[in-house]
C-alpha atoms as a PDB file:
ATOM      1  CA  MET A   1      -4.414  -6.462  12.338  1.00  0.00           C
ATOM      2  CA  ARG A   2      -7.255  -7.544  14.548  1.00  0.00           C
ATOM      3  CA  GLY A   3     -10.128  -5.789  15.756  1.00  0.00           C
ATOM      4  CA  VAL A   4     -13.151  -5.383  17.846  1.00  0.00           C
ATOM      5  CA  PRO A   5     -16.511  -4.839  16.331  1.00  0.00           C
ATOM      6  CA  ARG A   6     -17.681  -1.212  16.883  1.00  0.00           C
ATOM      7  CA  ARG A   7     -21.265  -0.818  16.201  1.00  0.00           C
ATOM      8  CA  ASP A   8     -21.297   2.892  16.807  1.00  0.00           C
ATOM      9  CA  SER A   9     -19.182   3.307  13.411  1.00  0.00           C
ATOM     10  CA  LYS A  10     -21.801   2.056  11.675  1.00  0.00           C
ATOM     11  CA  SER A  11     -24.445   4.670  12.550  1.00  0.00           C
ATOM     12  CA  ALA A  12     -24.834   7.338   9.654  1.00  0.00           C
ATOM     13  CA  SER A  13     -23.102  10.194  11.209  1.00  0.00           C
ATOM     14  CA  ALA A  14     -20.426   8.614  12.864  1.00  0.00           C
ATOM     15  CA  PRO A  15     -17.014   9.655  11.463  1.00  0.00           C
ATOM     16  CA  CYS A  16     -15.113   7.046   9.349  1.00  0.00           C
ATOM     17  CA  PRO A  17     -12.463   5.068  11.022  1.00  0.00           C
ATOM     18  CA  CYS A  18     -10.157   5.487   8.209  1.00  0.00           C
ATOM     19  CA  GLY A  19      -9.583   9.497   9.110  1.00  0.00           C
ATOM     20  CA  LEU A  20     -11.160  11.175   5.973  1.00  0.00           C
ATOM     21  CA  PRO A  21     -13.424  13.894   6.363  1.00  0.00           C
ATOM     22  CA  ALA A  22     -16.669  12.035   6.003  1.00  0.00           C
ATOM     23  CA  THR A  23     -19.146   9.831   7.758  1.00  0.00           C
ATOM     24  CA  TYR A  24     -18.550   6.135   7.862  1.00  0.00           C
ATOM     25  CA  ARG A  25     -21.769   5.407   5.726  1.00  0.00           C
ATOM     26  CA  GLU A  26     -20.423   7.616   3.007  1.00  0.00           C
ATOM     27  CA  CYS A  27     -17.105   6.584   3.079  1.00  0.00           C
ATOM     28  CA  CYS A  28     -15.714   3.267   3.818  1.00  0.00           C
ATOM     29  CA  GLY A  29     -19.227   2.090   4.721  1.00  0.00           C
ATOM     30  CA  ARG A  30     -20.018   2.076   1.252  1.00  0.00           C
ATOM     31  CA  LEU A  31     -16.991  -0.111   0.097  1.00  0.00           C
ATOM     32  CA  HIS A  32     -18.101  -2.647   2.872  1.00  0.00           C
ATOM     33  CA  ARG A  33     -21.559  -2.806   1.942  1.00  0.00           C
ATOM     34  CA  GLY A  34     -20.572  -3.477  -2.004  1.00  0.00           C
ATOM     35  CA  LEU A  35     -22.181  -0.052  -3.082  1.00  0.00           C
ATOM     36  CA  ALA A  36     -18.489   0.855  -4.519  1.00  0.00           C
ATOM     37  CA  ALA A  37     -15.055  -0.400  -5.029  1.00  0.00           C
ATOM     38  CA  ALA A  38     -11.589   1.180  -4.065  1.00  0.00           C
ATOM     39  CA  PRO A  39     -10.466   3.296  -6.991  1.00  0.00           C
ATOM     40  CA  THR A  40      -6.741   3.087  -5.471  1.00  0.00           C
ATOM     41  CA  ALA A  41      -4.535   1.303  -2.999  1.00  0.00           C
ATOM     42  CA  GLU A  42      -4.732   3.763  -0.580  1.00  0.00           C
ATOM     43  CA  ALA A  43      -8.473   3.677  -0.495  1.00  0.00           C
ATOM     44  CA  LEU A  44      -8.543  -0.038   0.050  1.00  0.00           C
ATOM     45  CA  MET A  45      -6.192   0.243   2.568  1.00  0.00           C
ATOM     46  CA  ARG A  46      -8.234   2.805   4.236  1.00  0.00           C
ATOM     47  CA  SER A  47     -11.294   0.722   3.756  1.00  0.00           C
ATOM     48  CA  ARG A  48      -9.269  -2.550   5.261  1.00  0.00           C
ATOM     49  CA  PHE A  49      -8.422  -0.550   8.478  1.00  0.00           C
ATOM     50  CA  SER A  50     -11.970   0.659   8.936  1.00  0.00           C
ATOM     51  CA  ALA A  51     -13.338  -2.975   8.079  1.00  0.00           C
ATOM     52  CA  PHE A  52     -10.959  -4.206  11.341  1.00  0.00           C
ATOM     53  CA  SER A  53     -12.201  -1.083  13.297  1.00  0.00           C
ATOM     54  CA  VAL A  54     -16.066  -2.056  12.708  1.00  0.00           C
ATOM     55  CA  GLY A  55     -15.225  -5.568  12.889  1.00  0.00           C
ATOM     56  CA  ASP A  56     -16.355  -6.502   9.315  1.00  0.00           C
ATOM     57  CA  ALA A  57     -14.371  -9.656   8.530  1.00  0.00           C
ATOM     58  CA  GLY A  58     -15.939 -10.618   5.715  1.00  0.00           C
ATOM     59  CA  TYR A  59     -15.160  -7.514   3.776  1.00  0.00           C
ATOM     60  CA  LEU A  60     -11.236  -8.061   4.878  1.00  0.00           C
ATOM     61  CA  LEU A  61     -11.810 -11.670   3.170  1.00  0.00           C
ATOM     62  CA  ARG A  62     -13.301 -10.562   0.029  1.00  0.00           C
ATOM     63  CA  THR A  63     -10.623  -7.672  -0.408  1.00  0.00           C
ATOM     64  CA  TRP A  64      -7.609 -10.362   0.278  1.00  0.00           C
ATOM     65  CA  HIS A  65      -6.008 -11.609  -2.966  1.00  0.00           C
ATOM     66  CA  PRO A  66      -6.786 -15.244  -3.604  1.00  0.00           C
ATOM     67  CA  ALA A  67      -3.590 -16.161  -3.278  1.00  0.00           C
ATOM     68  CA  ALA A  68      -2.688 -14.755  -0.055  1.00  0.00           C
ATOM     69  CA  ARG A  69      -6.156 -15.216   1.600  1.00  0.00           C
ATOM     70  CA  PRO A  70      -6.582 -17.365   4.865  1.00  0.00           C
ATOM     71  CA  ALA A  71      -9.342 -19.609   5.294  1.00  0.00           C
ATOM     72  CA  ARG A  72     -10.810 -17.858   7.970  1.00  0.00           C
ATOM     73  CA  LEU A  73     -10.275 -14.715   9.731  1.00  0.00           C
ATOM     74  CA  ASP A  74     -10.869 -14.160  13.725  1.00  0.00           C
ATOM     75  CA  LEU A  75     -11.060 -10.804  15.316  1.00  0.00           C
ATOM     76  CA  ASP A  76      -9.479 -10.213  18.313  1.00  0.00           C
ATOM     77  CA  ARG A  77     -12.259  -8.675  20.573  1.00  0.00           C
ATOM     78  CA  GLY A  78     -10.202  -6.995  23.012  1.00  0.00           C
ATOM     79  CA  THR A  79      -8.154  -4.540  20.168  1.00  0.00           C
ATOM     80  CA  ARG A  80      -9.692  -1.539  19.280  1.00  0.00           C
ATOM     81  CA  TRP A  81      -8.564   0.290  16.323  1.00  0.00           C
ATOM     82  CA  THR A  82      -8.536   3.869  16.907  1.00  0.00           C
ATOM     83  CA  ARG A  83      -6.275   5.648  14.278  1.00  0.00           C
ATOM     84  CA  LEU A  84      -4.572   5.332  10.828  1.00  0.00           C
ATOM     85  CA  GLU A  85      -1.912   7.145   9.503  1.00  0.00           C
ATOM     86  CA  ILE A  86      -0.710   6.703   5.721  1.00  0.00           C
ATOM     87  CA  LEU A  87       3.270   7.392   5.863  1.00  0.00           C
ATOM     88  CA  GLU A  88       4.127   6.485   2.089  1.00  0.00           C
ATOM     89  CA  THR A  89       2.222   5.221  -1.232  1.00  0.00           C
ATOM     90  CA  THR A  90       3.820   4.260  -4.531  1.00  0.00           C
ATOM     91  CA  GLY A  91       1.786   3.354  -7.756  1.00  0.00           C
ATOM     92  CA  GLY A  92      -1.854   2.466  -6.672  1.00  0.00           C
ATOM     93  CA  SER A  93      -3.357   5.013  -8.619  1.00  0.00           C
ATOM     94  CA  VAL A  94      -6.604   4.408 -10.595  1.00  0.00           C
ATOM     95  CA  VAL A  95      -4.684   3.220 -13.682  1.00  0.00           C
ATOM     96  CA  SER A  96      -2.173   1.220 -11.784  1.00  0.00           C
ATOM     97  CA  THR A  97      -2.123  -2.420 -11.325  1.00  0.00           C
ATOM     98  CA  GLU A  98       0.004  -2.429  -8.289  1.00  0.00           C
ATOM     99  CA  GLY A  99       1.013  -0.188  -5.659  1.00  0.00           C
ATOM    100  CA  THR A 100       2.137  -0.139  -1.571  1.00  0.00           C
ATOM    101  CA  VAL A 101       1.095   1.742   1.154  1.00  0.00           C
ATOM    102  CA  ARG A 102       3.086   2.311   4.226  1.00  0.00           C
ATOM    103  CA  PHE A 103       0.753   2.814   7.030  1.00  0.00           C
ATOM    104  CA  ARG A 104       0.828   3.095  11.100  1.00  0.00           C
ATOM    105  CA  ALA A 105      -2.450   1.926  12.702  1.00  0.00           C
ATOM    106  CA  HIS A 106      -3.069   2.904  16.210  1.00  0.00           C
ATOM    107  CA  TYR A 107      -4.854   0.478  18.579  1.00  0.00           C
ATOM    108  CA  THR A 108      -6.039  -0.062  22.474  1.00  0.00           C
ATOM    109  CA  ASP A 109      -5.392  -3.514  23.454  1.00  0.00           C
ATOM    110  CA  ASN A 110      -7.628  -4.315  26.822  1.00  0.00           C
ATOM    111  CA  GLY A 111      -6.920  -1.011  27.569  1.00  0.00           C
ATOM    112  CA  GLU A 112      -3.261  -0.206  26.608  1.00  0.00           C
ATOM    113  CA  ALA A 113      -2.235   2.058  23.704  1.00  0.00           C
ATOM    114  CA  GLY A 114       0.062   0.684  20.735  1.00  0.00           C
ATOM    115  CA  SER A 115       0.599   0.983  17.326  1.00  0.00           C
ATOM    116  CA  MET A 116       2.007  -1.352  14.403  1.00  0.00           C
ATOM    117  CA  GLU A 117       3.507  -0.315  11.407  1.00  0.00           C
ATOM    118  CA  GLU A 118       3.100  -2.225   7.794  1.00  0.00           C
ATOM    119  CA  HIS A 119       4.291  -1.663   4.242  1.00  0.00           C
ATOM    120  CA  SER A 120       1.495  -3.663   2.546  1.00  0.00           C
ATOM    121  CA  ARG A 121       1.251  -4.624  -1.185  1.00  0.00           C
ATOM    122  CA  PHE A 122      -1.812  -4.451  -3.627  1.00  0.00           C
ATOM    123  CA  VAL A 123      -2.710  -5.696  -7.100  1.00  0.00           C
ATOM    124  CA  ARG A 124      -5.573  -5.465  -8.989  1.00  0.00           C
ATOM    125  CA  HIS A 125      -7.115  -9.038  -9.383  1.00  0.00           C
ATOM    126  CA  GLU A 126     -10.091  -9.386 -12.139  1.00  0.00           C
ATOM    127  CA  GLY A 127     -10.013  -5.538 -11.951  1.00  0.00           C
ATOM    128  CA  ALA A 128     -10.255  -4.676  -8.160  1.00  0.00           C
ATOM    129  CA  TRP A 129      -7.835  -3.857  -5.701  1.00  0.00           C
ATOM    130  CA  THR A 130      -6.923  -6.516  -3.413  1.00  0.00           C
ATOM    131  CA  TYR A 131      -4.314  -6.658  -0.429  1.00  0.00           C
ATOM    132  CA  ALA A 132      -1.579  -8.808  -1.501  1.00  0.00           C
ATOM    133  CA  GLY A 133       0.672  -9.112   1.905  1.00  0.00           C
ATOM    134  CA  ALA A 134       2.879  -7.048   3.701  1.00  0.00           C
ATOM    135  CA  ASP A 135       6.364  -6.623   2.605  1.00  0.00           C
END
């Protein structure tokens, strides 16, 4: 996924792009700033969507499993990630070591609405959830 930085999402009172009923600052913003770690695979998926939404490539790279992590990530400034739907999860709990999340991400690309669906794999690496790739 690629995204354009959305400076308004980083304000203290802006709703979190991940769709949970909290502000960005208190929800995914805490993970992006390194103040907390995602407790579940779904929480990591939501925080990664939010990172695409606000243009935080550093967080995306840090939460990618080292075996699958690209050397760099260029976010597309013409794409704006607007809404996330979690369709299904397997495993990925606070006591699991792996899990999957199937999701649909909505976006606008140069003004045209669209969506993409992915079935993502997550594994714990050194105790933290990481994105391992798409199935």
